[in-house]
Amino acid sequence: MRAYMKTETETDQNDTTYFLLHQLLTIRRAIAALHEYLTRKAGEQRETEKLLAASPELRTKFNHRQIALLTHALRNLGEGYRVDAHQRSHNVVYRTARSDLLALHSLGLLEKSRQGNAYVFFAPENLRDRLSALAT
């Protein structure tokens, strides 16, 4: 409403053209930012898949949810991952989400610690090195 009031509609005989043009420009910028974000995310996914593709045996050990988590973890080292959050983000049952995280932990790609009654899995600082070591 303030943006509308700040436009000069009152002095331009209630012409809302400037207001509408501004809103359209804002929408176009948001769409462009979304496209940049999607392009960046797709590139990160490809980068992780390339890293994982170095070893065919290793590649078959990961499902798409684990690859997505590893991609995120490579960009956010030290980030914590909980089973319930992984479950919600991939729309799977608790047991599947738990298996995904425990499998990554057993391969040494995530570190596990207890917070209250739940386990939290963390991406180690040397995750890329660990992935590279597994891929060779």
N, C-alpha and C. Protein backbone atom coordinates (compact mmCIF):
# COMPACT_ATOMS: atom_id res chain seq x y z
N MET A 1 0.82 -1.18 0.00
CA MET A 1 0.00 0.00 0.00
C MET A 1 0.87 1.25 0.00
N ARG A 2 1.98 1.20 0.78
CA ARG A 2 2.86 2.37 0.82
C ARG A 2 3.47 2.64 -0.55
N ALA A 3 3.83 1.55 -1.25
CA ALA A 3 4.41 1.74 -2.59
C ALA A 3 3.38 2.43 -3.49
N TYR A 4 2.14 2.05 -3.35
CA TYR A 4 1.10 2.67 -4.15
C TYR A 4 0.95 4.14 -3.77
N MET A 5 0.98 4.41 -2.48
CA MET A 5 0.81 5.78 -2.02
C MET A 5 2.01 6.65 -2.39
N LYS A 6 3.20 6.04 -2.43
CA LYS A 6 4.39 6.81 -2.74
C LYS A 6 4.48 7.15 -4.22
N THR A 7 3.78 6.39 -5.04
CA THR A 7 3.78 6.76 -6.45
C THR A 7 3.00 8.05 -6.58
N GLU A 8 3.16 8.64 -7.65
CA GLU A 8 2.54 9.96 -7.81
C GLU A 8 1.15 9.85 -8.43
N THR A 9 0.37 8.91 -7.93
CA THR A 9 -0.97 8.73 -8.47
C THR A 9 -1.86 9.94 -8.16
N GLU A 10 -1.62 10.54 -7.02
CA GLU A 10 -2.45 11.68 -6.66
C GLU A 10 -2.15 12.89 -7.53
N THR A 11 -0.88 13.01 -7.93
CA THR A 11 -0.52 14.18 -8.76
C THR A 11 -0.63 13.88 -10.25
N ASP A 12 -0.77 12.60 -10.61
CA ASP A 12 -0.89 12.22 -12.01
C ASP A 12 -2.33 11.81 -12.36
N GLN A 13 -3.26 12.42 -11.74
CA GLN A 13 -4.67 12.15 -12.01
C GLN A 13 -5.02 10.67 -11.86
N ASN A 14 -4.52 10.08 -10.75
CA ASN A 14 -4.79 8.68 -10.42
C ASN A 14 -4.29 7.69 -11.47
N ASP A 15 -3.23 8.05 -12.18
CA ASP A 15 -2.62 7.16 -13.16
C ASP A 15 -1.72 6.18 -12.41
N THR A 16 -2.02 4.90 -12.46
CA THR A 16 -1.24 3.88 -11.73
C THR A 16 -0.19 3.20 -12.62
N THR A 17 0.07 3.76 -13.76
CA THR A 17 1.03 3.16 -14.68
C THR A 17 2.39 2.97 -14.03
N TYR A 18 2.92 3.98 -13.35
CA TYR A 18 4.23 3.89 -12.73
C TYR A 18 4.24 2.81 -11.64
N PHE A 19 3.19 2.76 -10.88
CA PHE A 19 3.08 1.75 -9.84
C PHE A 19 3.08 0.35 -10.45
N LEU A 20 2.29 0.13 -11.48
CA LEU A 20 2.22 -1.18 -12.12
C LEU A 20 3.55 -1.55 -12.77
N LEU A 21 4.21 -0.59 -13.40
CA LEU A 21 5.51 -0.86 -14.01
C LEU A 21 6.53 -1.26 -12.94
N HIS A 22 6.48 -0.58 -11.81
CA HIS A 22 7.39 -0.94 -10.73
C HIS A 22 7.12 -2.35 -10.23
N GLN A 23 5.86 -2.70 -10.05
CA GLN A 23 5.50 -4.04 -9.58
C GLN A 23 5.92 -5.11 -10.59
N LEU A 24 5.73 -4.83 -11.87
CA LEU A 24 6.14 -5.78 -12.91
C LEU A 24 7.66 -5.95 -12.92
N LEU A 25 8.37 -4.87 -12.74
CA LEU A 25 9.83 -4.94 -12.67
C LEU A 25 10.27 -5.79 -11.48
N THR A 26 9.61 -5.63 -10.35
CA THR A 26 9.92 -6.42 -9.17
C THR A 26 9.67 -7.90 -9.42
N ILE A 27 8.58 -8.21 -10.08
CA ILE A 27 8.25 -9.60 -10.41
C ILE A 27 9.29 -10.18 -11.37
N ARG A 28 9.67 -9.40 -12.37
CA ARG A 28 10.68 -9.87 -13.33
C ARG A 28 12.01 -10.15 -12.63
N ARG A 29 12.39 -9.29 -11.71
CA ARG A 29 13.63 -9.52 -10.96
C ARG A 29 13.54 -10.79 -10.12
N ALA A 30 12.40 -11.01 -9.52
CA ALA A 30 12.22 -12.22 -8.70
C ALA A 30 12.29 -13.47 -9.58
N ILE A 31 11.69 -13.42 -10.74
CA ILE A 31 11.74 -14.57 -11.66
C ILE A 31 13.17 -14.81 -12.12
N ALA A 32 13.90 -13.74 -12.44
CA ALA A 32 15.30 -13.88 -12.86
C ALA A 32 16.13 -14.48 -11.73
N ALA A 33 15.89 -14.03 -10.50
CA ALA A 33 16.62 -14.58 -9.35
C ALA A 33 16.29 -16.06 -9.16
N LEU A 34 15.05 -16.43 -9.38
CA LEU A 34 14.65 -17.83 -9.28
C LEU A 34 15.38 -18.67 -10.33
N HIS A 35 15.45 -18.16 -11.55
CA HIS A 35 16.15 -18.88 -12.62
C HIS A 35 17.63 -19.04 -12.28
N GLU A 36 18.25 -18.01 -11.74
CA GLU A 36 19.66 -18.09 -11.34
C GLU A 36 19.84 -19.13 -10.24
N TYR A 37 18.93 -19.13 -9.28
CA TYR A 37 18.99 -20.08 -8.18
C TYR A 37 18.87 -21.51 -8.71
N LEU A 38 17.90 -21.75 -9.59
CA LEU A 38 17.70 -23.10 -10.13
C LEU A 38 18.90 -23.55 -10.96
N THR A 39 19.48 -22.65 -11.72
CA THR A 39 20.67 -22.97 -12.50
C THR A 39 21.83 -23.33 -11.58
N ARG A 40 22.02 -22.55 -10.51
CA ARG A 40 23.08 -22.83 -9.56
C ARG A 40 22.87 -24.18 -8.88
N LYS A 41 21.64 -24.45 -8.47
CA LYS A 41 21.35 -25.72 -7.80
C LYS A 41 21.57 -26.91 -8.73
N ALA A 42 21.17 -26.77 -9.98
CA ALA A 42 21.37 -27.85 -10.95
C ALA A 42 22.87 -28.08 -11.17
N GLY A 43 23.65 -27.00 -11.22
CA GLY A 43 25.10 -27.13 -11.36
C GLY A 43 25.73 -27.83 -10.17
N GLU A 44 25.28 -27.48 -8.97
CA GLU A 44 25.80 -28.12 -7.77
C GLU A 44 25.45 -29.60 -7.76
N GLN A 45 24.24 -29.91 -8.19
CA GLN A 45 23.82 -31.32 -8.25
C GLN A 45 24.69 -32.08 -9.24
N ARG A 46 24.95 -31.48 -10.41
CA ARG A 46 25.80 -32.13 -11.42
C ARG A 46 27.22 -32.31 -10.89
N GLU A 47 27.73 -31.31 -10.17
CA GLU A 47 29.08 -31.39 -9.61
C GLU A 47 29.19 -32.56 -8.65
N THR A 48 28.21 -32.71 -7.78
CA THR A 48 28.22 -33.81 -6.83
C THR A 48 28.07 -35.14 -7.55
N GLU A 49 27.19 -35.18 -8.53
CA GLU A 49 27.01 -36.42 -9.28
C GLU A 49 28.28 -36.80 -10.03
N LYS A 50 29.01 -35.80 -10.56
CA LYS A 50 30.29 -36.09 -11.22
C LYS A 50 31.28 -36.67 -10.23
N LEU A 51 31.32 -36.08 -9.05
CA LEU A 51 32.21 -36.56 -8.02
C LEU A 51 31.86 -37.99 -7.65
N LEU A 52 30.57 -38.26 -7.53
CA LEU A 52 30.13 -39.60 -7.16
C LEU A 52 30.25 -40.58 -8.32
N ALA A 53 30.20 -40.08 -9.54
CA ALA A 53 30.25 -40.94 -10.72
C ALA A 53 31.66 -41.48 -10.99
N ALA A 54 32.65 -40.97 -10.29
CA ALA A 54 34.02 -41.43 -10.50
C ALA A 54 34.14 -42.93 -10.21
N SER A 55 33.30 -43.43 -9.37
CA SER A 55 33.32 -44.84 -9.03
C SER A 55 31.92 -45.43 -9.23
N PRO A 56 31.74 -46.31 -10.23
CA PRO A 56 30.41 -46.89 -10.47
C PRO A 56 29.85 -47.62 -9.25
N GLU A 57 30.72 -48.31 -8.50
CA GLU A 57 30.24 -49.03 -7.30
C GLU A 57 29.71 -48.04 -6.27
N LEU A 58 30.42 -46.92 -6.13
CA LEU A 58 30.03 -45.91 -5.16
C LEU A 58 28.73 -45.24 -5.57
N ARG A 59 28.60 -44.96 -6.85
CA ARG A 59 27.40 -44.28 -7.34
C ARG A 59 26.15 -45.10 -7.04
N THR A 60 26.24 -46.39 -7.14
CA THR A 60 25.07 -47.22 -6.89
C THR A 60 24.73 -47.31 -5.41
N LYS A 61 25.64 -46.86 -4.56
CA LYS A 61 25.37 -46.89 -3.12
C LYS A 61 24.48 -45.75 -2.66
N PHE A 62 24.35 -44.70 -3.47
CA PHE A 62 23.58 -43.53 -3.08
C PHE A 62 22.28 -43.43 -3.86
N ASN A 63 21.21 -43.07 -3.17
CA ASN A 63 19.96 -42.77 -3.85
C ASN A 63 19.86 -41.26 -4.06
N HIS A 64 18.82 -40.83 -4.74
CA HIS A 64 18.70 -39.40 -5.06
C HIS A 64 18.58 -38.53 -3.81
N ARG A 65 18.00 -39.05 -2.75
CA ARG A 65 17.87 -38.28 -1.50
C ARG A 65 19.25 -38.07 -0.88
N GLN A 66 20.05 -39.10 -0.88
CA GLN A 66 21.39 -39.00 -0.31
C GLN A 66 22.26 -38.06 -1.15
N ILE A 67 22.12 -38.13 -2.46
CA ILE A 67 22.88 -37.22 -3.32
C ILE A 67 22.47 -35.78 -3.06
N ALA A 68 21.18 -35.53 -2.88
CA ALA A 68 20.70 -34.18 -2.57
C ALA A 68 21.27 -33.72 -1.24
N LEU A 69 21.29 -34.59 -0.25
CA LEU A 69 21.84 -34.23 1.05
C LEU A 69 23.34 -33.96 0.96
N LEU A 70 24.06 -34.79 0.22
CA LEU A 70 25.50 -34.58 0.06
C LEU A 70 25.78 -33.28 -0.67
N THR A 71 24.97 -32.98 -1.67
CA THR A 71 25.13 -31.71 -2.39
C THR A 71 24.97 -30.54 -1.42
N HIS A 72 23.93 -30.59 -0.61
CA HIS A 72 23.69 -29.53 0.37
C HIS A 72 24.83 -29.48 1.39
N ALA A 73 25.27 -30.64 1.83
CA ALA A 73 26.31 -30.72 2.84
C ALA A 73 27.64 -30.16 2.31
N LEU A 74 27.93 -30.36 1.04
CA LEU A 74 29.17 -29.83 0.47
C LEU A 74 29.19 -28.30 0.49
N ARG A 75 28.02 -27.70 0.38
CA ARG A 75 27.93 -26.24 0.42
C ARG A 75 27.80 -25.71 1.83
N ASN A 76 27.40 -26.56 2.76
CA ASN A 76 27.13 -26.12 4.13
C ASN A 76 27.84 -27.03 5.13
N LEU A 77 29.16 -27.03 5.07
CA LEU A 77 29.94 -27.89 5.95
C LEU A 77 29.63 -27.56 7.41
N GLY A 78 29.48 -28.60 8.20
CA GLY A 78 29.15 -28.41 9.61
C GLY A 78 27.65 -28.35 9.87
N GLU A 79 26.87 -28.36 8.82
CA GLU A 79 25.40 -28.31 8.95
C GLU A 79 24.90 -29.59 9.61
N GLY A 80 23.87 -29.47 10.42
CA GLY A 80 23.28 -30.63 11.08
C GLY A 80 22.06 -31.13 10.32
N TYR A 81 21.92 -32.44 10.27
CA TYR A 81 20.79 -33.06 9.58
C TYR A 81 20.10 -34.02 10.54
N ARG A 82 18.81 -33.81 10.71
CA ARG A 82 18.01 -34.67 11.58
C ARG A 82 17.16 -35.60 10.73
N VAL A 83 16.86 -36.75 11.28
CA VAL A 83 16.08 -37.74 10.55
C VAL A 83 14.71 -37.18 10.19
N ASP A 84 14.05 -36.52 11.14
CA ASP A 84 12.70 -36.01 10.86
C ASP A 84 12.70 -34.93 9.78
N ALA A 85 13.73 -34.11 9.75
CA ALA A 85 13.82 -33.08 8.70
C ALA A 85 14.07 -33.71 7.34
N HIS A 86 14.94 -34.70 7.30
CA HIS A 86 15.21 -35.43 6.04
C HIS A 86 13.93 -36.12 5.57
N GLN A 87 13.20 -36.67 6.51
CA GLN A 87 11.92 -37.33 6.20
C GLN A 87 10.94 -36.36 5.55
N ARG A 88 10.78 -35.19 6.15
CA ARG A 88 9.84 -34.20 5.61
C ARG A 88 10.28 -33.65 4.27
N SER A 89 11.57 -33.36 4.13
CA SER A 89 12.03 -32.73 2.90
C SER A 89 11.95 -33.67 1.70
N HIS A 90 11.97 -34.98 1.94
CA HIS A 90 11.90 -35.92 0.82
C HIS A 90 10.61 -36.73 0.81
N ASN A 91 9.73 -36.43 1.74
CA ASN A 91 8.42 -37.08 1.80
C ASN A 91 8.55 -38.61 1.83
N VAL A 92 9.33 -39.09 2.77
CA VAL A 92 9.51 -40.53 2.95
C VAL A 92 9.18 -40.87 4.40
N VAL A 93 9.05 -42.16 4.68
CA VAL A 93 8.77 -42.58 6.05
C VAL A 93 10.02 -42.43 6.90
N TYR A 94 9.84 -42.41 8.20
CA TYR A 94 10.94 -42.20 9.14
C TYR A 94 12.05 -43.23 8.94
N ARG A 95 11.67 -44.47 8.77
CA ARG A 95 12.65 -45.55 8.64
C ARG A 95 13.55 -45.34 7.42
N THR A 96 12.97 -44.90 6.31
CA THR A 96 13.76 -44.64 5.10
C THR A 96 14.72 -43.49 5.32
N ALA A 97 14.23 -42.41 5.93
CA ALA A 97 15.09 -41.26 6.20
C ALA A 97 16.23 -41.64 7.14
N ARG A 98 15.91 -42.42 8.15
CA ARG A 98 16.93 -42.87 9.10
C ARG A 98 17.96 -43.74 8.40
N SER A 99 17.52 -44.64 7.55
CA SER A 99 18.44 -45.50 6.81
C SER A 99 19.36 -44.70 5.91
N ASP A 100 18.82 -43.66 5.25
CA ASP A 100 19.64 -42.80 4.39
C ASP A 100 20.79 -42.18 5.19
N LEU A 101 20.47 -41.61 6.34
CA LEU A 101 21.48 -40.93 7.14
C LEU A 101 22.47 -41.90 7.78
N LEU A 102 21.97 -43.03 8.26
CA LEU A 102 22.87 -44.01 8.87
C LEU A 102 23.82 -44.61 7.84
N ALA A 103 23.36 -44.79 6.62
CA ALA A 103 24.22 -45.32 5.55
C ALA A 103 25.34 -44.33 5.25
N LEU A 104 25.02 -43.05 5.19
CA LEU A 104 26.05 -42.03 4.95
C LEU A 104 27.03 -41.96 6.11
N HIS A 105 26.51 -42.16 7.31
CA HIS A 105 27.38 -42.18 8.49
C HIS A 105 28.31 -43.39 8.45
N SER A 106 27.77 -44.55 8.09
CA SER A 106 28.60 -45.76 8.07
C SER A 106 29.70 -45.68 7.02
N LEU A 107 29.50 -44.88 5.98
CA LEU A 107 30.53 -44.68 4.96
C LEU A 107 31.52 -43.59 5.36
N GLY A 108 31.28 -42.95 6.51
CA GLY A 108 32.19 -41.92 7.00
C GLY A 108 31.94 -40.55 6.38
N LEU A 109 30.78 -40.38 5.76
CA LEU A 109 30.47 -39.11 5.10
C LEU A 109 29.73 -38.13 6.00
N LEU A 110 29.13 -38.64 7.05
CA LEU A 110 28.46 -37.80 8.05
C LEU A 110 28.94 -38.23 9.42
N GLU A 111 29.02 -37.28 10.32
CA GLU A 111 29.34 -37.58 11.71
C GLU A 111 28.05 -37.52 12.51
N LYS A 112 27.95 -38.35 13.53
CA LYS A 112 26.71 -38.47 14.28
C LYS A 112 26.94 -38.07 15.73
N SER A 113 25.99 -37.30 16.28
CA SER A 113 26.03 -36.99 17.70
C SER A 113 24.61 -36.95 18.22
N ARG A 114 24.49 -37.08 19.52
CA ARG A 114 23.17 -37.11 20.14
C ARG A 114 22.85 -35.73 20.69
N GLN A 115 21.63 -35.28 20.39
CA GLN A 115 21.11 -34.04 20.97
C GLN A 115 19.76 -34.38 21.58
N GLY A 116 19.74 -34.49 22.88
CA GLY A 116 18.52 -34.92 23.55
C GLY A 116 18.27 -36.38 23.22
N ASN A 117 17.06 -36.67 22.74
CA ASN A 117 16.70 -38.04 22.38
C ASN A 117 16.98 -38.36 20.93
N ALA A 118 17.41 -37.37 20.16
CA ALA A 118 17.58 -37.57 18.72
C ALA A 118 19.05 -37.52 18.32
N TYR A 119 19.34 -38.19 17.24
CA TYR A 119 20.67 -38.09 16.64
C TYR A 119 20.66 -36.97 15.61
N VAL A 120 21.77 -36.27 15.55
CA VAL A 120 21.97 -35.24 14.53
C VAL A 120 23.23 -35.63 13.77
N PHE A 121 23.14 -35.58 12.46
CA PHE A 121 24.25 -35.95 11.60
C PHE A 121 24.85 -34.66 11.05
N PHE A 122 26.18 -34.58 11.09
CA PHE A 122 26.87 -33.37 10.65
C PHE A 122 27.78 -33.68 9.47
N ALA A 123 27.85 -32.72 8.56
CA ALA A 123 28.79 -32.82 7.45
C ALA A 123 30.16 -32.39 7.96
N PRO A 124 31.16 -33.26 7.85
CA PRO A 124 32.50 -32.89 8.32
C PRO A 124 33.15 -31.86 7.41
N GLU A 125 34.14 -31.18 7.94
CA GLU A 125 34.84 -30.14 7.17
C GLU A 125 35.53 -30.70 5.93
N ASN A 126 35.95 -31.96 5.99
CA ASN A 126 36.66 -32.57 4.87
C ASN A 126 35.77 -33.51 4.06
N LEU A 127 34.50 -33.18 3.94
CA LEU A 127 33.54 -34.04 3.24
C LEU A 127 33.96 -34.29 1.80
N ARG A 128 34.38 -33.27 1.09
CA ARG A 128 34.76 -33.45 -0.31
C ARG A 128 35.94 -34.43 -0.42
N ASP A 129 36.90 -34.32 0.48
CA ASP A 129 38.03 -35.25 0.48
C ASP A 129 37.57 -36.68 0.77
N ARG A 130 36.65 -36.81 1.70
CA ARG A 130 36.13 -38.14 2.03
C ARG A 130 35.39 -38.74 0.85
N LEU A 131 34.61 -37.92 0.15
CA LEU A 131 33.92 -38.40 -1.05
C LEU A 131 34.92 -38.80 -2.12
N SER A 132 35.93 -37.98 -2.32
CA SER A 132 36.95 -38.29 -3.31
C SER A 132 37.68 -39.58 -2.96
N ALA A 133 37.97 -39.78 -1.69
CA ALA A 133 38.65 -41.01 -1.27
C ALA A 133 37.77 -42.23 -1.53
N LEU A 134 36.47 -42.10 -1.29
CA LEU A 134 35.55 -43.22 -1.55
C LEU A 134 35.40 -43.49 -3.05
N ALA A 135 35.54 -42.43 -3.84
CA ALA A 135 35.33 -42.57 -5.29
C ALA A 135 36.52 -43.22 -5.98
N THR A 136 37.67 -43.26 -5.32
CA THR A 136 38.85 -43.87 -5.97
C THR A 136 39.01 -45.32 -5.62
